[in-house]
Amino acid sequence: MAVSSKFICLLGLFVVVVVNVAMLERVDGAGECGKSSPDDEAMKLAPCATAAQDEKAAVSDSCCSQVKRIGQNPACLCAVLLSNTAKASGIKPQIAITIPKRCNIPNRPVGYKCGAYTLP
């Protein structure tokens, strides 16, 4: 009886260790935006709020700077523009997706598909 209870305890400990390791890898793993979440990156686009709601609004230098940084990874840029934070902020993806062009960002990912939208 004592051997089987030790075995069960060891097995339980093993399961806990495996689950913890799996959770650490999931937390530290890279997503579309590396170790940062699209929602966290979306918060950095606060200077773009007006430009992402009105295509006639001027795009600030600080907005262009952030979009240029995030846009180096098109998958991240798409994830940010389609994130829950962006939606909650009133961002209109069909307008926000035009910001890289409006900023005259060279080497932007023209034609990259972001869900139902395509980067111009």
PDB file of N, CA and C in Angstrom:
ATOM      1  N   MET A   1       0.821  -1.189   0.000  1.00  0.00           N
ATOM      2  CA  MET A   1       0.000   0.000   0.000  1.00  0.00           C
ATOM      3  C   MET A   1       0.867   1.255   0.000  1.00  0.00           C
ATOM      4  N   ALA A   2       1.958   1.262   0.767  1.00  0.00           N
ATOM      5  CA  ALA A   2       2.835   2.425   0.872  1.00  0.00           C
ATOM      6  C   ALA A   2       3.502   2.738  -0.452  1.00  0.00           C
ATOM      7  N   VAL A   3       3.856   1.719  -1.212  1.00  0.00           N
ATOM      8  CA  VAL A   3       4.500   1.928  -2.508  1.00  0.00           C
ATOM      9  C   VAL A   3       3.540   2.592  -3.477  1.00  0.00           C
ATOM     10  N   SER A   4       2.310   2.166  -3.499  1.00  0.00           N
ATOM     11  CA  SER A   4       1.353   2.740  -4.439  1.00  0.00           C
ATOM     12  C   SER A   4       1.011   4.183  -4.086  1.00  0.00           C
ATOM     13  N   SER A   5       0.954   4.547  -2.815  1.00  0.00           N
ATOM     14  CA  SER A   5       0.671   5.946  -2.461  1.00  0.00           C
ATOM     15  C   SER A   5       1.857   6.842  -2.808  1.00  0.00           C
ATOM     16  N   LYS A   6       3.090   6.332  -2.683  1.00  0.00           N
ATOM     17  CA  LYS A   6       4.264   7.107  -3.102  1.00  0.00           C
ATOM     18  C   LYS A   6       4.223   7.308  -4.614  1.00  0.00           C
ATOM     19  N   PHE A   7       3.854   6.262  -5.330  1.00  0.00           N
ATOM     20  CA  PHE A   7       3.767   6.342  -6.785  1.00  0.00           C
ATOM     21  C   PHE A   7       2.737   7.385  -7.202  1.00  0.00           C
ATOM     22  N   ILE A   8       1.605   7.377  -6.547  1.00  0.00           N
ATOM     23  CA  ILE A   8       0.536   8.334  -6.857  1.00  0.00           C
ATOM     24  C   ILE A   8       1.001   9.759  -6.561  1.00  0.00           C
ATOM     25  N   CYS A   9       1.707   9.953  -5.450  1.00  0.00           N
ATOM     26  CA  CYS A   9       2.237  11.286  -5.108  1.00  0.00           C
ATOM     27  C   CYS A   9       3.246  11.749  -6.146  1.00  0.00           C
ATOM     28  N   LEU A  10       4.144  10.870  -6.554  1.00  0.00           N
ATOM     29  CA  LEU A  10       5.137  11.214  -7.577  1.00  0.00           C
ATOM     30  C   LEU A  10       4.467  11.517  -8.914  1.00  0.00           C
ATOM     31  N   LEU A  11       3.484  10.717  -9.255  1.00  0.00           N
ATOM     32  CA  LEU A  11       2.752  10.944 -10.497  1.00  0.00           C
ATOM     33  C   LEU A  11       2.040  12.296 -10.461  1.00  0.00           C
ATOM     34  N   GLY A  12       1.416  12.601  -9.321  1.00  0.00           N
ATOM     35  CA  GLY A  12       0.741  13.898  -9.169  1.00  0.00           C
ATOM     36  C   GLY A  12       1.725  15.050  -9.275  1.00  0.00           C
ATOM     37  N   LEU A  13       2.898  14.907  -8.649  1.00  0.00           N
ATOM     38  CA  LEU A  13       3.933  15.943  -8.718  1.00  0.00           C
ATOM     39  C   LEU A  13       4.412  16.122 -10.154  1.00  0.00           C
ATOM     40  N   PHE A  14       4.586  15.014 -10.860  1.00  0.00           N
ATOM     41  CA  PHE A  14       5.013  15.066 -12.257  1.00  0.00           C
ATOM     42  C   PHE A  14       4.000  15.839 -13.108  1.00  0.00           C
ATOM     43  N   VAL A  15       2.734  15.562 -12.910  1.00  0.00           N
ATOM     44  CA  VAL A  15       1.673  16.245 -13.661  1.00  0.00           C
ATOM     45  C   VAL A  15       1.710  17.749 -13.377  1.00  0.00           C
ATOM     46  N   VAL A  16       1.867  18.123 -12.123  1.00  0.00           N
ATOM     47  CA  VAL A  16       1.933  19.545 -11.758  1.00  0.00           C
ATOM     48  C   VAL A  16       3.118  20.220 -12.441  1.00  0.00           C
ATOM     49  N   VAL A  17       4.273  19.556 -12.429  1.00  0.00           N
ATOM     50  CA  VAL A  17       5.467  20.121 -13.064  1.00  0.00           C
ATOM     51  C   VAL A  17       5.249  20.284 -14.566  1.00  0.00           C
ATOM     52  N   VAL A  18       4.689  19.293 -15.223  1.00  0.00           N
ATOM     53  CA  VAL A  18       4.445  19.363 -16.666  1.00  0.00           C
ATOM     54  C   VAL A  18       3.482  20.498 -16.995  1.00  0.00           C
ATOM     55  N   VAL A  19       2.423  20.626 -16.237  1.00  0.00           N
ATOM     56  CA  VAL A  19       1.450  21.695 -16.475  1.00  0.00           C
ATOM     57  C   VAL A  19       2.111  23.062 -16.276  1.00  0.00           C
ATOM     58  N   ASN A  20       2.908  23.221 -15.236  1.00  0.00           N
ATOM     59  CA  ASN A  20       3.583  24.497 -14.994  1.00  0.00           C
ATOM     60  C   ASN A  20       4.549  24.848 -16.113  1.00  0.00           C
ATOM     61  N   VAL A  21       5.303  23.878 -16.583  1.00  0.00           N
ATOM     62  CA  VAL A  21       6.232  24.123 -17.687  1.00  0.00           C
ATOM     63  C   VAL A  21       5.457  24.522 -18.939  1.00  0.00           C
ATOM     64  N   ALA A  22       4.361  23.837 -19.218  1.00  0.00           N
ATOM     65  CA  ALA A  22       3.543  24.166 -20.386  1.00  0.00           C
ATOM     66  C   ALA A  22       2.986  25.579 -20.280  1.00  0.00           C
ATOM     67  N   MET A  23       2.560  25.976 -19.096  1.00  0.00           N
ATOM     68  CA  MET A  23       2.017  27.330 -18.909  1.00  0.00           C
ATOM     69  C   MET A  23       3.104  28.376 -19.088  1.00  0.00           C
ATOM     70  N   LEU A  24       4.311  28.116 -18.600  1.00  0.00           N
ATOM     71  CA  LEU A  24       5.409  29.065 -18.762  1.00  0.00           C
ATOM     72  C   LEU A  24       5.749  29.251 -20.229  1.00  0.00           C
ATOM     73  N   GLU A  25       5.788  28.171 -20.975  1.00  0.00           N
ATOM     74  CA  GLU A  25       6.087  28.280 -22.389  1.00  0.00           C
ATOM     75  C   GLU A  25       4.995  29.036 -23.109  1.00  0.00           C
ATOM     76  N   ARG A  26       3.755  28.843 -22.703  1.00  0.00           N
ATOM     77  CA  ARG A  26       2.644  29.544 -23.331  1.00  0.00           C
ATOM     78  C   ARG A  26       2.726  31.036 -23.049  1.00  0.00           C
ATOM     79  N   VAL A  27       3.058  31.412 -21.826  1.00  0.00           N
ATOM     80  CA  VAL A  27       3.152  32.818 -21.460  1.00  0.00           C
ATOM     81  C   VAL A  27       4.346  33.479 -22.134  1.00  0.00           C
ATOM     82  N   ASP A  28       5.481  32.771 -22.167  1.00  0.00           N
ATOM     83  CA  ASP A  28       6.688  33.344 -22.733  1.00  0.00           C
ATOM     84  C   ASP A  28       6.781  33.177 -24.241  1.00  0.00           C
ATOM     85  N   GLY A  29       5.909  32.371 -24.822  1.00  0.00           N
ATOM     86  CA  GLY A  29       5.961  32.093 -26.242  1.00  0.00           C
ATOM     87  C   GLY A  29       5.662  33.329 -27.059  1.00  0.00           C
ATOM     88  N   ALA A  30       6.156  33.337 -28.263  1.00  0.00           N
ATOM     89  CA  ALA A  30       5.965  34.483 -29.137  1.00  0.00           C
ATOM     90  C   ALA A  30       4.657  34.350 -29.907  1.00  0.00           C
ATOM     91  N   GLY A  31       3.859  35.405 -29.894  1.00  0.00           N
ATOM     92  CA  GLY A  31       2.645  35.458 -30.695  1.00  0.00           C
ATOM     93  C   GLY A  31       2.894  36.366 -31.882  1.00  0.00           C
ATOM     94  N   GLU A  32       1.829  36.926 -32.444  1.00  0.00           N
ATOM     95  CA  GLU A  32       1.974  37.823 -33.598  1.00  0.00           C
ATOM     96  C   GLU A  32       2.907  38.992 -33.297  1.00  0.00           C
ATOM     97  N   CYS A  33       2.882  39.450 -32.058  1.00  0.00           N
ATOM     98  CA  CYS A  33       3.672  40.626 -31.666  1.00  0.00           C
ATOM     99  C   CYS A  33       4.809  40.252 -30.710  1.00  0.00           C
ATOM    100  N   GLY A  34       5.352  39.079 -30.866  1.00  0.00           N
ATOM    101  CA  GLY A  34       6.426  38.645 -29.979  1.00  0.00           C
ATOM    102  C   GLY A  34       5.876  38.368 -28.599  1.00  0.00           C
ATOM    103  N   LYS A  35       6.553  38.874 -27.587  1.00  0.00           N
ATOM    104  CA  LYS A  35       6.114  38.616 -26.214  1.00  0.00           C
ATOM    105  C   LYS A  35       5.038  39.592 -25.755  1.00  0.00           C
ATOM    106  N   SER A  36       4.752  40.600 -26.553  1.00  0.00           N
ATOM    107  CA  SER A  36       3.716  41.580 -26.231  1.00  0.00           C
ATOM    108  C   SER A  36       2.405  41.151 -26.889  1.00  0.00           C
ATOM    109  N   SER A  37       1.290  41.418 -26.232  1.00  0.00           N
ATOM    110  CA  SER A  37       0.002  41.058 -26.823  1.00  0.00           C
ATOM    111  C   SER A  37      -0.451  42.158 -27.789  1.00  0.00           C
ATOM    112  N   PRO A  38      -1.271  41.809 -28.781  1.00  0.00           N
ATOM    113  CA  PRO A  38      -1.812  42.834 -29.680  1.00  0.00           C
ATOM    114  C   PRO A  38      -2.554  43.933 -28.914  1.00  0.00           C
ATOM    115  N   ASP A  39      -3.234  43.573 -27.819  1.00  0.00           N
ATOM    116  CA  ASP A  39      -3.943  44.594 -27.035  1.00  0.00           C
ATOM    117  C   ASP A  39      -2.967  45.565 -26.379  1.00  0.00           C
ATOM    118  N   ASP A  40      -1.835  45.058 -25.884  1.00  0.00           N
ATOM    119  CA  ASP A  40      -0.813  45.942 -25.299  1.00  0.00           C
ATOM    120  C   ASP A  40      -0.223  46.860 -26.364  1.00  0.00           C
ATOM    121  N   GLU A  41       0.027  46.308 -27.537  1.00  0.00           N
ATOM    122  CA  GLU A  41       0.568  47.119 -28.628  1.00  0.00           C
ATOM    123  C   GLU A  41      -0.454  48.160 -29.089  1.00  0.00           C
ATOM    124  N   ALA A  42      -1.720  47.809 -29.070  1.00  0.00           N
ATOM    125  CA  ALA A  42      -2.771  48.745 -29.473  1.00  0.00           C
ATOM    126  C   ALA A  42      -2.788  49.975 -28.569  1.00  0.00           C
ATOM    127  N   MET A  43      -2.474  49.780 -27.297  1.00  0.00           N
ATOM    128  CA  MET A  43      -2.435  50.912 -26.361  1.00  0.00           C
ATOM    129  C   MET A  43      -1.369  51.930 -26.776  1.00  0.00           C
ATOM    130  N   LYS A  44      -0.313  51.462 -27.419  1.00  0.00           N
ATOM    131  CA  LYS A  44       0.771  52.343 -27.860  1.00  0.00           C
ATOM    132  C   LYS A  44       0.362  53.179 -29.070  1.00  0.00           C
ATOM    133  N   LEU A  45      -0.772  52.840 -29.663  1.00  0.00           N
ATOM    134  CA  LEU A  45      -1.255  53.588 -30.831  1.00  0.00           C
ATOM    135  C   LEU A  45      -2.252  54.676 -30.460  1.00  0.00           C
ATOM    136  N   ALA A  46      -2.265  55.070 -29.204  1.00  0.00           N
ATOM    137  CA  ALA A  46      -3.165  56.141 -28.761  1.00  0.00           C
ATOM    138  C   ALA A  46      -3.011  57.409 -29.612  1.00  0.00           C
ATOM    139  N   PRO A  47      -1.787  57.781 -30.032  1.00  0.00           N
ATOM    140  CA  PRO A  47      -1.663  58.981 -30.877  1.00  0.00           C
ATOM    141  C   PRO A  47      -2.360  58.852 -32.228  1.00  0.00           C
ATOM    142  N   CYS A  48      -2.780  57.651 -32.574  1.00  0.00           N
ATOM    143  CA  CYS A  48      -3.426  57.411 -33.870  1.00  0.00           C
ATOM    144  C   CYS A  48      -4.953  57.419 -33.787  1.00  0.00           C
ATOM    145  N   ALA A  49      -5.499  57.643 -32.607  1.00  0.00           N
ATOM    146  CA  ALA A  49      -6.940  57.490 -32.404  1.00  0.00           C
ATOM    147  C   ALA A  49      -7.773  58.280 -33.414  1.00  0.00           C
ATOM    148  N   THR A  50      -7.501  59.532 -33.568  1.00  0.00           N
ATOM    149  CA  THR A  50      -8.292  60.360 -34.490  1.00  0.00           C
ATOM    150  C   THR A  50      -8.084  59.924 -35.934  1.00  0.00           C
ATOM    151  N   ALA A  51      -6.833  59.680 -36.311  1.00  0.00           N
ATOM    152  CA  ALA A  51      -6.517  59.275 -37.686  1.00  0.00           C
ATOM    153  C   ALA A  51      -7.112  57.920 -38.027  1.00  0.00           C
ATOM    154  N   ALA A  52      -7.339  57.078 -37.020  1.00  0.00           N
ATOM    155  CA  ALA A  52      -7.892  55.744 -37.259  1.00  0.00           C
ATOM    156  C   ALA A  52      -9.419  55.749 -37.288  1.00  0.00           C
ATOM    157  N   GLN A  53     -10.015  56.920 -37.042  1.00  0.00           N
ATOM    158  CA  GLN A  53     -11.463  57.050 -37.088  1.00  0.00           C
ATOM    159  C   GLN A  53     -11.925  57.943 -38.231  1.00  0.00           C
ATOM    160  N   ASP A  54     -10.993  58.761 -38.763  1.00  0.00           N
ATOM    161  CA  ASP A  54     -11.337  59.726 -39.811  1.00  0.00           C
ATOM    162  C   ASP A  54     -10.199  59.770 -40.822  1.00  0.00           C
ATOM    163  N   GLU A  55     -10.465  59.281 -42.043  1.00  0.00           N
ATOM    164  CA  GLU A  55      -9.396  59.211 -43.040  1.00  0.00           C
ATOM    165  C   GLU A  55      -8.924  60.586 -43.520  1.00  0.00           C
ATOM    166  N   LYS A  56      -9.659  61.625 -43.201  1.00  0.00           N
ATOM    167  CA  LYS A  56      -9.245  62.975 -43.579  1.00  0.00           C
ATOM    168  C   LYS A  56      -8.435  63.660 -42.468  1.00  0.00           C
ATOM    169  N   ALA A  57      -8.377  63.050 -41.299  1.00  0.00           N
ATOM    170  CA  ALA A  57      -7.632  63.623 -40.171  1.00  0.00           C
ATOM    171  C   ALA A  57      -6.137  63.492 -40.423  1.00  0.00           C
ATOM    172  N   ALA A  58      -5.408  64.480 -39.940  1.00  0.00           N
ATOM    173  CA  ALA A  58      -3.947  64.435 -40.045  1.00  0.00           C
ATOM    174  C   ALA A  58      -3.407  63.298 -39.181  1.00  0.00           C
ATOM    175  N   VAL A  59      -2.324  62.705 -39.642  1.00  0.00           N
ATOM    176  CA  VAL A  59      -1.673  61.633 -38.894  1.00  0.00           C
ATOM    177  C   VAL A  59      -0.437  62.234 -38.234  1.00  0.00           C
ATOM    178  N   SER A  60      -0.374  62.164 -36.916  1.00  0.00           N
ATOM    179  CA  SER A  60       0.741  62.775 -36.185  1.00  0.00           C
ATOM    180  C   SER A  60       2.044  62.007 -36.396  1.00  0.00           C
ATOM    181  N   ASP A  61       3.153  62.707 -36.169  1.00  0.00           N
ATOM    182  CA  ASP A  61       4.465  62.070 -36.270  1.00  0.00           C
ATOM    183  C   ASP A  61       4.600  60.929 -35.265  1.00  0.00           C
ATOM    184  N   SER A  62       4.055  61.121 -34.065  1.00  0.00           N
ATOM    185  CA  SER A  62       4.162  60.058 -33.055  1.00  0.00           C
ATOM    186  C   SER A  62       3.354  58.831 -33.476  1.00  0.00           C
ATOM    187  N   CYS A  63       2.226  59.036 -34.118  1.00  0.00           N
ATOM    188  CA  CYS A  63       1.435  57.926 -34.637  1.00  0.00           C
ATOM    189  C   CYS A  63       2.236  57.194 -35.712  1.00  0.00           C
ATOM    190  N   CYS A  64       2.777  57.933 -36.662  1.00  0.00           N
ATOM    191  CA  CYS A  64       3.537  57.322 -37.753  1.00  0.00           C
ATOM    192  C   CYS A  64       4.732  56.544 -37.220  1.00  0.00           C
ATOM    193  N   SER A  65       5.362  57.069 -36.208  1.00  0.00           N
ATOM    194  CA  SER A  65       6.513  56.399 -35.606  1.00  0.00           C
ATOM    195  C   SER A  65       6.114  55.037 -35.032  1.00  0.00           C
ATOM    196  N   GLN A  66       4.996  55.011 -34.301  1.00  0.00           N
ATOM    197  CA  GLN A  66       4.518  53.752 -33.711  1.00  0.00           C
ATOM    198  C   GLN A  66       4.066  52.771 -34.786  1.00  0.00           C
ATOM    199  N   VAL A  67       3.364  53.263 -35.786  1.00  0.00           N
ATOM    200  CA  VAL A  67       2.877  52.390 -36.862  1.00  0.00           C
ATOM    201  C   VAL A  67       4.062  51.824 -37.647  1.00  0.00           C
ATOM    202  N   LYS A  68       5.070  52.642 -37.863  1.00  0.00           N
ATOM    203  CA  LYS A  68       6.266  52.169 -38.566  1.00  0.00           C
ATOM    204  C   LYS A  68       6.938  51.054 -37.770  1.00  0.00           C
ATOM    205  N   ARG A  69       7.025  51.220 -36.448  1.00  0.00           N
ATOM    206  CA  ARG A  69       7.656  50.217 -35.596  1.00  0.00           C
ATOM    207  C   ARG A  69       6.847  48.920 -35.622  1.00  0.00           C
ATOM    208  N   ILE A  70       5.552  49.019 -35.397  1.00  0.00           N
ATOM    209  CA  ILE A  70       4.697  47.824 -35.360  1.00  0.00           C
ATOM    210  C   ILE A  70       4.587  47.209 -36.751  1.00  0.00           C
ATOM    211  N   GLY A  71       4.550  48.043 -37.776  1.00  0.00           N
ATOM    212  CA  GLY A  71       4.372  47.576 -39.147  1.00  0.00           C
ATOM    213  C   GLY A  71       5.547  46.794 -39.703  1.00  0.00           C
ATOM    214  N   GLN A  72       6.666  46.779 -38.990  1.00  0.00           N
ATOM    215  CA  GLN A  72       7.787  45.943 -39.427  1.00  0.00           C
ATOM    216  C   GLN A  72       7.398  44.473 -39.382  1.00  0.00           C
ATOM    217  N   ASN A  73       6.365  44.175 -38.609  1.00  0.00           N
ATOM    218  CA  ASN A  73       5.812  42.828 -38.524  1.00  0.00           C
ATOM    219  C   ASN A  73       4.343  42.944 -38.948  1.00  0.00           C
ATOM    220  N   PRO A  74       4.039  42.710 -40.224  1.00  0.00           N
ATOM    221  CA  PRO A  74       2.664  42.888 -40.707  1.00  0.00           C
ATOM    222  C   PRO A  74       1.620  42.074 -39.939  1.00  0.00           C
ATOM    223  N   ALA A  75       1.977  40.868 -39.507  1.00  0.00           N
ATOM    224  CA  ALA A  75       1.022  40.052 -38.748  1.00  0.00           C
ATOM    225  C   ALA A  75       0.669  40.730 -37.432  1.00  0.00           C
ATOM    226  N   CYS A  76       1.653  41.368 -36.806  1.00  0.00           N
ATOM    227  CA  CYS A  76       1.407  42.095 -35.558  1.00  0.00           C
ATOM    228  C   CYS A  76       0.529  43.314 -35.835  1.00  0.00           C
ATOM    229  N   LEU A  77       0.861  44.057 -36.876  1.00  0.00           N
ATOM    230  CA  LEU A  77       0.068  45.249 -37.210  1.00  0.00           C
ATOM    231  C   LEU A  77      -1.389  44.858 -37.427  1.00  0.00           C
ATOM    232  N   CYS A  78      -1.636  43.792 -38.153  1.00  0.00           N
ATOM    233  CA  CYS A  78      -3.012  43.340 -38.374  1.00  0.00           C
ATOM    234  C   CYS A  78      -3.675  42.944 -37.062  1.00  0.00           C
ATOM    235  N   ALA A  79      -2.959  42.189 -36.248  1.00  0.00           N
ATOM    236  CA  ALA A  79      -3.524  41.753 -34.965  1.00  0.00           C
ATOM    237  C   ALA A  79      -3.860  42.955 -34.094  1.00  0.00           C
ATOM    238  N   VAL A  80      -3.036  43.983 -34.134  1.00  0.00           N
ATOM    239  CA  VAL A  80      -3.274  45.193 -33.345  1.00  0.00           C
ATOM    240  C   VAL A  80      -4.508  45.923 -33.869  1.00  0.00           C
ATOM    241  N   LEU A  81      -4.577  46.109 -35.178  1.00  0.00           N
ATOM    242  CA  LEU A  81      -5.705  46.845 -35.762  1.00  0.00           C
ATOM    243  C   LEU A  81      -7.035  46.125 -35.562  1.00  0.00           C
ATOM    244  N   LEU A  82      -6.989  44.802 -35.423  1.00  0.00           N
ATOM    245  CA  LEU A  82      -8.209  44.015 -35.247  1.00  0.00           C
ATOM    246  C   LEU A  82      -8.413  43.579 -33.792  1.00  0.00           C
ATOM    247  N   SER A  83      -7.591  44.110 -32.884  1.00  0.00           N
ATOM    248  CA  SER A  83      -7.652  43.697 -31.477  1.00  0.00           C
ATOM    249  C   SER A  83      -8.897  44.228 -30.773  1.00  0.00           C
ATOM    250  N   ASN A  84      -9.207  43.602 -29.651  1.00  0.00           N
ATOM    251  CA  ASN A  84     -10.338  44.050 -28.828  1.00  0.00           C
ATOM    252  C   ASN A  84     -10.120  45.477 -28.333  1.00  0.00           C
ATOM    253  N   THR A  85      -8.889  45.825 -27.990  1.00  0.00           N
ATOM    254  CA  THR A  85      -8.595  47.181 -27.516  1.00  0.00           C
ATOM    255  C   THR A  85      -8.866  48.199 -28.616  1.00  0.00           C
ATOM    256  N   ALA A  86      -8.441  47.892 -29.833  1.00  0.00           N
ATOM    257  CA  ALA A  86      -8.686  48.803 -30.949  1.00  0.00           C
ATOM    258  C   ALA A  86     -10.191  48.972 -31.186  1.00  0.00           C
ATOM    259  N   LYS A  87     -10.911  47.865 -31.158  1.00  0.00           N
ATOM    260  CA  LYS A  87     -12.367  47.932 -31.351  1.00  0.00           C
ATOM    261  C   LYS A  87     -13.026  48.752 -30.252  1.00  0.00           C
ATOM    262  N   ALA A  88     -12.621  48.510 -29.010  1.00  0.00           N
ATOM    263  CA  ALA A  88     -13.207  49.232 -27.870  1.00  0.00           C
ATOM    264  C   ALA A  88     -12.885  50.717 -27.919  1.00  0.00           C
ATOM    265  N   SER A  89     -11.782  51.065 -28.586  1.00  0.00           N
ATOM    266  CA  SER A  89     -11.373  52.472 -28.688  1.00  0.00           C
ATOM    267  C   SER A  89     -12.075  53.195 -29.834  1.00  0.00           C
ATOM    268  N   GLY A  90     -12.903  52.475 -30.568  1.00  0.00           N
ATOM    269  CA  GLY A  90     -13.622  53.099 -31.679  1.00  0.00           C
ATOM    270  C   GLY A  90     -12.824  53.139 -32.971  1.00  0.00           C
ATOM    271  N   ILE A  91     -11.737  52.376 -33.029  1.00  0.00           N
ATOM    272  CA  ILE A  91     -10.918  52.331 -34.238  1.00  0.00           C
ATOM    273  C   ILE A  91     -11.721  51.668 -35.349  1.00  0.00           C
ATOM    274  N   LYS A  92     -11.673  52.252 -36.512  1.00  0.00           N
ATOM    275  CA  LYS A  92     -12.326  51.691 -37.685  1.00  0.00           C
ATOM    276  C   LYS A  92     -11.236  51.023 -38.523  1.00  0.00           C
ATOM    277  N   PRO A  93     -11.208  49.692 -38.548  1.00  0.00           N
ATOM    278  CA  PRO A  93     -10.122  48.995 -39.248  1.00  0.00           C
ATOM    279  C   PRO A  93      -9.963  49.422 -40.701  1.00  0.00           C
ATOM    280  N   GLN A  94     -11.060  49.679 -41.391  1.00  0.00           N
ATOM    281  CA  GLN A  94     -10.980  50.078 -42.792  1.00  0.00           C
ATOM    282  C   GLN A  94     -10.275  51.421 -42.967  1.00  0.00           C
ATOM    283  N   ILE A  95     -10.278  52.241 -41.927  1.00  0.00           N
ATOM    284  CA  ILE A  95      -9.570  53.527 -41.967  1.00  0.00           C
ATOM    285  C   ILE A  95      -8.171  53.364 -41.376  1.00  0.00           C
ATOM    286  N   ALA A  96      -8.072  52.648 -40.271  1.00  0.00           N
ATOM    287  CA  ALA A  96      -6.774  52.455 -39.605  1.00  0.00           C
ATOM    288  C   ALA A  96      -5.766  51.790 -40.533  1.00  0.00           C
ATOM    289  N   ILE A  97      -6.239  50.920 -41.378  1.00  0.00           N
ATOM    290  CA  ILE A  97      -5.344  50.193 -42.274  1.00  0.00           C
ATOM    291  C   ILE A  97      -4.700  51.108 -43.316  1.00  0.00           C
ATOM    292  N   THR A  98      -5.249  52.316 -43.477  1.00  0.00           N
ATOM    293  CA  THR A  98      -4.673  53.281 -44.434  1.00  0.00           C
ATOM    294  C   THR A  98      -3.553  54.116 -43.811  1.00  0.00           C
ATOM    295  N   ILE A  99      -3.365  54.027 -42.515  1.00  0.00           N
ATOM    296  CA  ILE A  99      -2.373  54.883 -41.844  1.00  0.00           C
ATOM    297  C   ILE A  99      -0.951  54.659 -42.357  1.00  0.00           C
ATOM    298  N   PRO A 100      -0.477  53.426 -42.556  1.00  0.00           N
ATOM    299  CA  PRO A 100       0.896  53.291 -43.075  1.00  0.00           C
ATOM    300  C   PRO A 100       1.099  54.043 -44.395  1.00  0.00           C
ATOM    301  N   LYS A 101       0.102  54.012 -45.275  1.00  0.00           N
ATOM    302  CA  LYS A 101       0.209  54.747 -46.544  1.00  0.00           C
ATOM    303  C   LYS A 101       0.155  56.247 -46.293  1.00  0.00           C
ATOM    304  N   ARG A 102      -0.736  56.677 -45.400  1.00  0.00           N
ATOM    305  CA  ARG A 102      -0.866  58.103 -45.091  1.00  0.00           C
ATOM    306  C   ARG A 102       0.393  58.645 -44.429  1.00  0.00           C
ATOM    307  N   CYS A 103       1.164  57.771 -43.781  1.00  0.00           N
ATOM    308  CA  CYS A 103       2.431  58.169 -43.158  1.00  0.00           C
ATOM    309  C   CYS A 103       3.591  58.094 -44.156  1.00  0.00           C
ATOM    310  N   ASN A 104       3.306  57.663 -45.362  1.00  0.00           N
ATOM    311  CA  ASN A 104       4.340  57.488 -46.385  1.00  0.00           C
ATOM    312  C   ASN A 104       5.460  56.576 -45.903  1.00  0.00           C
ATOM    313  N   ILE A 105       5.095  55.498 -45.236  1.00  0.00           N
ATOM    314  CA  ILE A 105       6.090  54.559 -44.720  1.00  0.00           C
ATOM    315  C   ILE A 105       6.637  53.741 -45.886  1.00  0.00           C
ATOM    316  N   PRO A 106       7.947  53.849 -46.109  1.00  0.00           N
ATOM    317  CA  PRO A 106       8.535  53.051 -47.190  1.00  0.00           C
ATOM    318  C   PRO A 106       8.556  51.572 -46.781  1.00  0.00           C
ATOM    319  N   ASN A 107       8.544  50.721 -47.752  1.00  0.00           N
ATOM    320  CA  ASN A 107       8.594  49.270 -47.512  1.00  0.00           C
ATOM    321  C   ASN A 107       7.443  48.765 -46.660  1.00  0.00           C
ATOM    322  N   ARG A 108       6.309  49.461 -46.691  1.00  0.00           N
ATOM    323  CA  ARG A 108       5.147  48.948 -45.958  1.00  0.00           C
ATOM    324  C   ARG A 108       4.633  47.715 -46.692  1.00  0.00           C
ATOM    325  N   PRO A 109       3.952  46.844 -46.002  1.00  0.00           N
ATOM    326  CA  PRO A 109       3.507  45.586 -46.623  1.00  0.00           C
ATOM    327  C   PRO A 109       2.257  45.755 -47.491  1.00  0.00           C
ATOM    328  N   VAL A 110       2.398  46.440 -48.605  1.00  0.00           N
ATOM    329  CA  VAL A 110       1.283  46.685 -49.521  1.00  0.00           C
ATOM    330  C   VAL A 110       0.696  45.345 -49.965  1.00  0.00           C
ATOM    331  N   GLY A 111      -0.625  45.249 -49.909  1.00  0.00           N
ATOM    332  CA  GLY A 111      -1.316  44.045 -50.342  1.00  0.00           C
ATOM    333  C   GLY A 111      -1.454  42.979 -49.266  1.00  0.00           C
ATOM    334  N   TYR A 112      -0.894  43.232 -48.082  1.00  0.00           N
ATOM    335  CA  TYR A 112      -0.987  42.257 -46.996  1.00  0.00           C
ATOM    336  C   TYR A 112      -2.427  42.185 -46.512  1.00  0.00           C
ATOM    337  N   LYS A 113      -2.952  40.979 -46.371  1.00  0.00           N
ATOM    338  CA  LYS A 113      -4.345  40.792 -45.949  1.00  0.00           C
ATOM    339  C   LYS A 113      -4.451  40.817 -44.423  1.00  0.00           C
ATOM    340  N   CYS A 114      -5.318  41.680 -43.929  1.00  0.00           N
ATOM    341  CA  CYS A 114      -5.636  41.768 -42.501  1.00  0.00           C
ATOM    342  C   CYS A 114      -7.111  41.415 -42.364  1.00  0.00           C
ATOM    343  N   GLY A 115      -7.386  40.160 -42.168  1.00  0.00           N
ATOM    344  CA  GLY A 115      -8.779  39.752 -42.093  1.00  0.00           C
ATOM    345  C   GLY A 115      -9.480  40.102 -43.393  1.00  0.00           C
ATOM    346  N   ALA A 116     -10.534  40.894 -43.300  1.00  0.00           N
ATOM    347  CA  ALA A 116     -11.289  41.306 -44.489  1.00  0.00           C
ATOM    348  C   ALA A 116     -10.682  42.507 -45.193  1.00  0.00           C
ATOM    349  N   TYR A 117      -9.588  43.029 -44.678  1.00  0.00           N
ATOM    350  CA  TYR A 117      -8.978  44.256 -45.204  1.00  0.00           C
ATOM    351  C   TYR A 117      -7.629  43.965 -45.851  1.00  0.00           C
ATOM    352  N   THR A 118      -7.231  44.840 -46.769  1.00  0.00           N
ATOM    353  CA  THR A 118      -5.942  44.707 -47.442  1.00  0.00           C
ATOM    354  C   THR A 118      -5.183  46.013 -47.277  1.00  0.00           C
ATOM    355  N   LEU A 119      -3.918  45.914 -46.842  1.00  0.00           N
ATOM    356  CA  LEU A 119      -3.103  47.122 -46.664  1.00  0.00           C
ATOM    357  C   LEU A 119      -2.845  47.782 -48.008  1.00  0.00           C
ATOM    358  N   PRO A 120      -3.194  49.065 -48.132  1.00  0.00           N
ATOM    359  CA  PRO A 120      -2.944  49.772 -49.398  1.00  0.00           C
ATOM    360  C   PRO A 120      -1.470  50.185 -49.521  1.00  0.00           C
TER     361      PRO A 120
END
